[in-house]
Amino acid sequence: MTLSTLPQHSVAAQWFHALSDETRLEIVELLSHRERCVCELQDNLDAAQSRLSFHLKTLKDAGLVTDRREGRWIYYQLNRETLDRIGAFAQAVKPGKHAGSCARACCD
């Protein structure tokens, strides 16, 4: 990942904000196994529908999950592309990688 392909800081901040909550991390972990119906997530997390909707919206707004409607049910799954971008971002900012920021930070 080069400097030009690094996500805007606001996009990365939205990813990490969405992942900064224990409930949302539990949702991500559950979805890492397979797509799940919202009712199944509700049962697994023992969460009120309104609370779960808030967390799913946060994850969806950050691009971490997608949804699809089947009849009256909504199914959620992880967005692999966004997870790959998060992984690439993390790789690019590892110590020694500089993420293309040398001109600003250290190596003039």
N, C-alpha and C. Protein backbone atom coordinates (compact mmCIF):
# COMPACT_ATOMS: atom_id res chain seq x y z
N MET A 1 0.86 -1.17 0.00
CA MET A 1 0.00 0.00 0.00
C MET A 1 0.89 1.23 0.00
N THR A 2 0.71 2.09 -0.96
CA THR A 2 1.50 3.31 -1.05
C THR A 2 0.73 4.46 -0.42
N LEU A 3 1.40 5.58 -0.31
CA LEU A 3 0.75 6.76 0.28
C LEU A 3 -0.53 7.10 -0.47
N SER A 4 -0.50 6.99 -1.79
CA SER A 4 -1.68 7.36 -2.57
C SER A 4 -2.85 6.40 -2.36
N THR A 5 -2.57 5.17 -1.90
CA THR A 5 -3.66 4.22 -1.69
C THR A 5 -4.06 4.10 -0.23
N LEU A 6 -3.37 4.82 0.66
CA LEU A 6 -3.78 4.81 2.06
C LEU A 6 -5.15 5.46 2.17
N PRO A 7 -6.01 4.91 3.03
CA PRO A 7 -7.34 5.52 3.17
C PRO A 7 -7.23 6.91 3.78
N GLN A 8 -8.21 7.74 3.45
CA GLN A 8 -8.27 9.03 4.11
C GLN A 8 -8.35 8.78 5.61
N HIS A 9 -7.77 9.65 6.40
CA HIS A 9 -7.80 9.47 7.85
C HIS A 9 -9.23 9.37 8.37
N SER A 10 -10.14 10.11 7.79
CA SER A 10 -11.53 10.05 8.27
C SER A 10 -12.15 8.68 8.03
N VAL A 11 -11.80 8.02 6.93
CA VAL A 11 -12.32 6.69 6.65
C VAL A 11 -11.73 5.69 7.64
N ALA A 12 -10.43 5.76 7.86
CA ALA A 12 -9.79 4.86 8.82
C ALA A 12 -10.34 5.10 10.22
N ALA A 13 -10.58 6.34 10.57
CA ALA A 13 -11.14 6.64 11.90
C ALA A 13 -12.53 6.04 12.04
N GLN A 14 -13.31 6.07 10.96
CA GLN A 14 -14.65 5.48 11.01
C GLN A 14 -14.56 3.96 11.20
N TRP A 15 -13.60 3.31 10.53
CA TRP A 15 -13.41 1.86 10.72
C TRP A 15 -13.11 1.55 12.18
N PHE A 16 -12.13 2.27 12.71
CA PHE A 16 -11.68 1.95 14.07
C PHE A 16 -12.70 2.36 15.11
N HIS A 17 -13.46 3.40 14.86
CA HIS A 17 -14.56 3.75 15.76
C HIS A 17 -15.58 2.61 15.79
N ALA A 18 -15.93 2.11 14.61
CA ALA A 18 -16.91 1.02 14.54
C ALA A 18 -16.42 -0.22 15.25
N LEU A 19 -15.12 -0.43 15.26
CA LEU A 19 -14.55 -1.62 15.90
C LEU A 19 -14.18 -1.38 17.37
N SER A 20 -14.48 -0.20 17.89
CA SER A 20 -14.05 0.14 19.25
C SER A 20 -15.06 -0.24 20.34
N ASP A 21 -16.10 -0.93 19.96
CA ASP A 21 -17.15 -1.31 20.90
C ASP A 21 -17.20 -2.83 21.03
N GLU A 22 -17.31 -3.33 22.25
CA GLU A 22 -17.32 -4.78 22.49
C GLU A 22 -18.46 -5.49 21.77
N THR A 23 -19.64 -4.90 21.79
CA THR A 23 -20.78 -5.53 21.12
C THR A 23 -20.54 -5.63 19.62
N ARG A 24 -20.01 -4.55 19.04
CA ARG A 24 -19.75 -4.57 17.60
C ARG A 24 -18.65 -5.58 17.27
N LEU A 25 -17.67 -5.73 18.14
CA LEU A 25 -16.65 -6.76 17.92
C LEU A 25 -17.26 -8.16 17.99
N GLU A 26 -18.21 -8.35 18.90
CA GLU A 26 -18.91 -9.64 18.97
C GLU A 26 -19.69 -9.91 17.68
N ILE A 27 -20.32 -8.87 17.16
CA ILE A 27 -21.07 -9.02 15.90
C ILE A 27 -20.11 -9.42 14.78
N VAL A 28 -18.98 -8.73 14.69
CA VAL A 28 -17.99 -9.06 13.66
C VAL A 28 -17.52 -10.49 13.81
N GLU A 29 -17.26 -10.91 15.04
CA GLU A 29 -16.82 -12.29 15.27
C GLU A 29 -17.89 -13.28 14.83
N LEU A 30 -19.14 -13.03 15.16
CA LEU A 30 -20.22 -13.92 14.74
C LEU A 30 -20.34 -13.98 13.22
N LEU A 31 -20.20 -12.82 12.58
CA LEU A 31 -20.31 -12.77 11.13
C LEU A 31 -19.09 -13.34 10.42
N SER A 32 -17.99 -13.50 11.14
CA SER A 32 -16.79 -14.06 10.50
C SER A 32 -16.98 -15.52 10.11
N HIS A 33 -17.96 -16.16 10.71
CA HIS A 33 -18.24 -17.57 10.41
C HIS A 33 -19.16 -17.73 9.21
N ARG A 34 -20.15 -16.82 9.11
CA ARG A 34 -21.10 -16.88 8.00
C ARG A 34 -22.08 -15.72 8.11
N GLU A 35 -22.83 -15.55 7.06
CA GLU A 35 -23.92 -14.57 7.04
C GLU A 35 -24.95 -14.97 8.11
N ARG A 36 -25.55 -13.96 8.75
CA ARG A 36 -26.54 -14.25 9.78
C ARG A 36 -27.74 -13.32 9.67
N CYS A 37 -28.89 -13.88 10.00
CA CYS A 37 -30.12 -13.11 10.07
C CYS A 37 -30.06 -12.22 11.32
N VAL A 38 -30.68 -11.06 11.24
CA VAL A 38 -30.68 -10.16 12.38
C VAL A 38 -31.30 -10.83 13.61
N CYS A 39 -32.31 -11.67 13.40
CA CYS A 39 -32.93 -12.36 14.54
C CYS A 39 -31.94 -13.32 15.21
N GLU A 40 -31.09 -13.94 14.43
CA GLU A 40 -30.08 -14.84 14.98
C GLU A 40 -29.04 -14.05 15.78
N LEU A 41 -28.63 -12.91 15.25
CA LEU A 41 -27.69 -12.06 16.00
C LEU A 41 -28.32 -11.61 17.31
N GLN A 42 -29.59 -11.26 17.26
CA GLN A 42 -30.30 -10.81 18.45
C GLN A 42 -30.30 -11.92 19.51
N ASP A 43 -30.57 -13.15 19.10
CA ASP A 43 -30.57 -14.28 20.04
C ASP A 43 -29.17 -14.56 20.59
N ASN A 44 -28.17 -14.56 19.71
CA ASN A 44 -26.80 -14.86 20.14
C ASN A 44 -26.25 -13.82 21.11
N LEU A 45 -26.62 -12.58 20.89
CA LEU A 45 -26.09 -11.49 21.72
C LEU A 45 -27.01 -11.12 22.86
N ASP A 46 -28.19 -11.72 22.90
CA ASP A 46 -29.19 -11.39 23.91
C ASP A 46 -29.37 -9.87 23.98
N ALA A 47 -29.57 -9.29 22.79
CA ALA A 47 -29.64 -7.84 22.67
C ALA A 47 -31.03 -7.40 22.22
N ALA A 48 -31.45 -6.27 22.72
CA ALA A 48 -32.70 -5.68 22.27
C ALA A 48 -32.56 -5.29 20.81
N GLN A 49 -33.65 -5.36 20.07
CA GLN A 49 -33.62 -5.07 18.65
C GLN A 49 -33.13 -3.65 18.36
N SER A 50 -33.55 -2.69 19.15
CA SER A 50 -33.13 -1.30 18.91
C SER A 50 -31.62 -1.13 19.13
N ARG A 51 -31.09 -1.76 20.17
CA ARG A 51 -29.65 -1.69 20.45
C ARG A 51 -28.86 -2.35 19.34
N LEU A 52 -29.31 -3.52 18.89
CA LEU A 52 -28.63 -4.23 17.83
C LEU A 52 -28.68 -3.43 16.53
N SER A 53 -29.81 -2.83 16.23
CA SER A 53 -29.94 -2.01 15.03
C SER A 53 -28.94 -0.86 15.03
N PHE A 54 -28.76 -0.23 16.18
CA PHE A 54 -27.78 0.86 16.30
C PHE A 54 -26.39 0.37 15.96
N HIS A 55 -26.00 -0.77 16.53
CA HIS A 55 -24.65 -1.30 16.30
C HIS A 55 -24.47 -1.75 14.85
N LEU A 56 -25.48 -2.38 14.28
CA LEU A 56 -25.38 -2.80 12.88
C LEU A 56 -25.30 -1.61 11.95
N LYS A 57 -26.01 -0.55 12.25
CA LYS A 57 -25.94 0.67 11.44
C LYS A 57 -24.54 1.27 11.49
N THR A 58 -23.94 1.29 12.67
CA THR A 58 -22.58 1.81 12.81
C THR A 58 -21.61 0.99 11.96
N LEU A 59 -21.73 -0.33 12.03
CA LEU A 59 -20.85 -1.21 11.24
C LEU A 59 -21.11 -1.04 9.74
N LYS A 60 -22.37 -0.90 9.38
CA LYS A 60 -22.72 -0.73 7.97
C LYS A 60 -22.23 0.62 7.44
N ASP A 61 -22.42 1.69 8.22
CA ASP A 61 -21.96 3.02 7.81
C ASP A 61 -20.44 3.06 7.61
N ALA A 62 -19.72 2.25 8.37
CA ALA A 62 -18.26 2.18 8.24
C ALA A 62 -17.84 1.25 7.10
N GLY A 63 -18.80 0.60 6.49
CA GLY A 63 -18.49 -0.30 5.38
C GLY A 63 -18.04 -1.67 5.79
N LEU A 64 -18.18 -1.99 7.08
CA LEU A 64 -17.70 -3.29 7.58
C LEU A 64 -18.67 -4.43 7.33
N VAL A 65 -19.95 -4.11 7.24
CA VAL A 65 -20.94 -5.14 6.95
C VAL A 65 -21.85 -4.67 5.82
N THR A 66 -22.43 -5.65 5.15
CA THR A 66 -23.45 -5.39 4.15
C THR A 66 -24.68 -6.17 4.56
N ASP A 67 -25.80 -5.80 3.99
CA ASP A 67 -27.03 -6.52 4.32
C ASP A 67 -27.82 -6.82 3.06
N ARG A 68 -28.71 -7.78 3.19
CA ARG A 68 -29.63 -8.10 2.10
C ARG A 68 -30.94 -8.53 2.72
N ARG A 69 -32.00 -8.21 2.03
CA ARG A 69 -33.34 -8.56 2.51
C ARG A 69 -33.79 -9.81 1.80
N GLU A 70 -34.37 -10.72 2.57
CA GLU A 70 -35.00 -11.91 2.02
C GLU A 70 -36.36 -12.04 2.70
N GLY A 71 -37.40 -11.67 1.96
CA GLY A 71 -38.72 -11.63 2.57
C GLY A 71 -38.75 -10.56 3.64
N ARG A 72 -39.14 -10.95 4.83
CA ARG A 72 -39.19 -9.96 5.92
C ARG A 72 -37.92 -9.96 6.77
N TRP A 73 -36.95 -10.80 6.44
CA TRP A 73 -35.72 -10.91 7.22
C TRP A 73 -34.58 -10.15 6.55
N ILE A 74 -33.69 -9.64 7.36
CA ILE A 74 -32.49 -8.98 6.87
C ILE A 74 -31.29 -9.82 7.32
N TYR A 75 -30.41 -10.10 6.37
CA TYR A 75 -29.21 -10.90 6.64
C TYR A 75 -27.99 -10.00 6.51
N TYR A 76 -27.04 -10.20 7.42
CA TYR A 76 -25.82 -9.39 7.44
C TYR A 76 -24.62 -10.28 7.19
N GLN A 77 -23.63 -9.69 6.51
CA GLN A 77 -22.36 -10.39 6.31
C GLN A 77 -21.23 -9.37 6.35
N LEU A 78 -20.04 -9.85 6.63
CA LEU A 78 -18.88 -8.97 6.65
C LEU A 78 -18.53 -8.56 5.22
N ASN A 79 -18.02 -7.36 5.08
CA ASN A 79 -17.56 -6.86 3.80
C ASN A 79 -16.06 -7.16 3.70
N ARG A 80 -15.74 -8.20 2.96
CA ARG A 80 -14.35 -8.67 2.85
C ARG A 80 -13.42 -7.58 2.31
N GLU A 81 -13.90 -6.79 1.35
CA GLU A 81 -13.06 -5.75 0.77
C GLU A 81 -12.62 -4.73 1.81
N THR A 82 -13.55 -4.31 2.66
CA THR A 82 -13.19 -3.35 3.71
C THR A 82 -12.23 -3.98 4.71
N LEU A 83 -12.46 -5.23 5.09
CA LEU A 83 -11.53 -5.89 6.01
C LEU A 83 -10.14 -6.02 5.39
N ASP A 84 -10.07 -6.27 4.09
CA ASP A 84 -8.77 -6.31 3.41
C ASP A 84 -8.10 -4.94 3.44
N ARG A 85 -8.89 -3.88 3.25
CA ARG A 85 -8.32 -2.52 3.30
C ARG A 85 -7.81 -2.18 4.71
N ILE A 86 -8.54 -2.61 5.73
CA ILE A 86 -8.09 -2.38 7.11
C ILE A 86 -6.78 -3.12 7.35
N GLY A 87 -6.72 -4.37 6.89
CA GLY A 87 -5.48 -5.16 7.04
C GLY A 87 -4.31 -4.52 6.30
N ALA A 88 -4.55 -4.01 5.10
CA ALA A 88 -3.49 -3.35 4.34
C ALA A 88 -3.05 -2.07 5.02
N PHE A 89 -4.00 -1.33 5.58
CA PHE A 89 -3.66 -0.11 6.32
C PHE A 89 -2.78 -0.45 7.52
N ALA A 90 -3.18 -1.48 8.27
CA ALA A 90 -2.40 -1.90 9.45
C ALA A 90 -0.98 -2.33 9.04
N GLN A 91 -0.88 -3.05 7.94
CA GLN A 91 0.45 -3.46 7.44
C GLN A 91 1.29 -2.25 7.07
N ALA A 92 0.67 -1.27 6.43
CA ALA A 92 1.39 -0.10 5.94
C ALA A 92 1.91 0.79 7.06
N VAL A 93 1.27 0.77 8.20
CA VAL A 93 1.71 1.65 9.29
C VAL A 93 2.52 0.93 10.36
N LYS A 94 2.87 -0.32 10.11
CA LYS A 94 3.72 -1.02 11.06
C LYS A 94 5.06 -0.29 11.17
N PRO A 95 5.67 -0.31 12.35
CA PRO A 95 6.99 0.34 12.48
C PRO A 95 7.95 -0.15 11.41
N GLY A 96 8.64 0.82 10.80
CA GLY A 96 9.58 0.50 9.74
C GLY A 96 8.97 0.60 8.36
N LYS A 97 7.65 0.67 8.27
CA LYS A 97 6.99 0.77 6.97
C LYS A 97 6.83 2.23 6.54
N HIS A 98 6.71 3.13 7.46
CA HIS A 98 6.59 4.57 7.26
C HIS A 98 5.34 5.00 6.53
N ALA A 99 4.62 4.12 5.91
CA ALA A 99 3.34 4.43 5.24
C ALA A 99 3.46 5.63 4.31
N GLY A 100 4.67 5.86 3.77
CA GLY A 100 4.84 6.98 2.84
C GLY A 100 4.88 8.33 3.52
N SER A 101 5.02 8.35 4.84
CA SER A 101 4.94 9.62 5.57
C SER A 101 6.31 10.19 5.92
N CYS A 102 7.37 9.66 5.34
CA CYS A 102 8.71 10.12 5.68
C CYS A 102 8.90 11.61 5.49
N ALA A 103 8.39 12.15 4.42
CA ALA A 103 8.56 13.58 4.16
C ALA A 103 7.96 14.42 5.27
N ARG A 104 6.93 13.96 5.88
CA ARG A 104 6.28 14.72 6.95
C ARG A 104 6.87 14.43 8.33
N ALA A 105 7.41 13.23 8.52
CA ALA A 105 7.71 12.82 9.87
C ALA A 105 9.19 12.75 10.23
N CYS A 106 10.02 12.15 9.38
CA CYS A 106 11.33 11.84 9.94
C CYS A 106 12.48 11.86 8.96
N CYS A 107 12.30 11.54 7.76
CA CYS A 107 13.41 11.23 6.87
C CYS A 107 13.60 12.26 5.77
N ASP A 108 13.56 13.54 6.09
CA ASP A 108 13.65 14.60 5.07
C ASP A 108 14.84 14.39 4.16
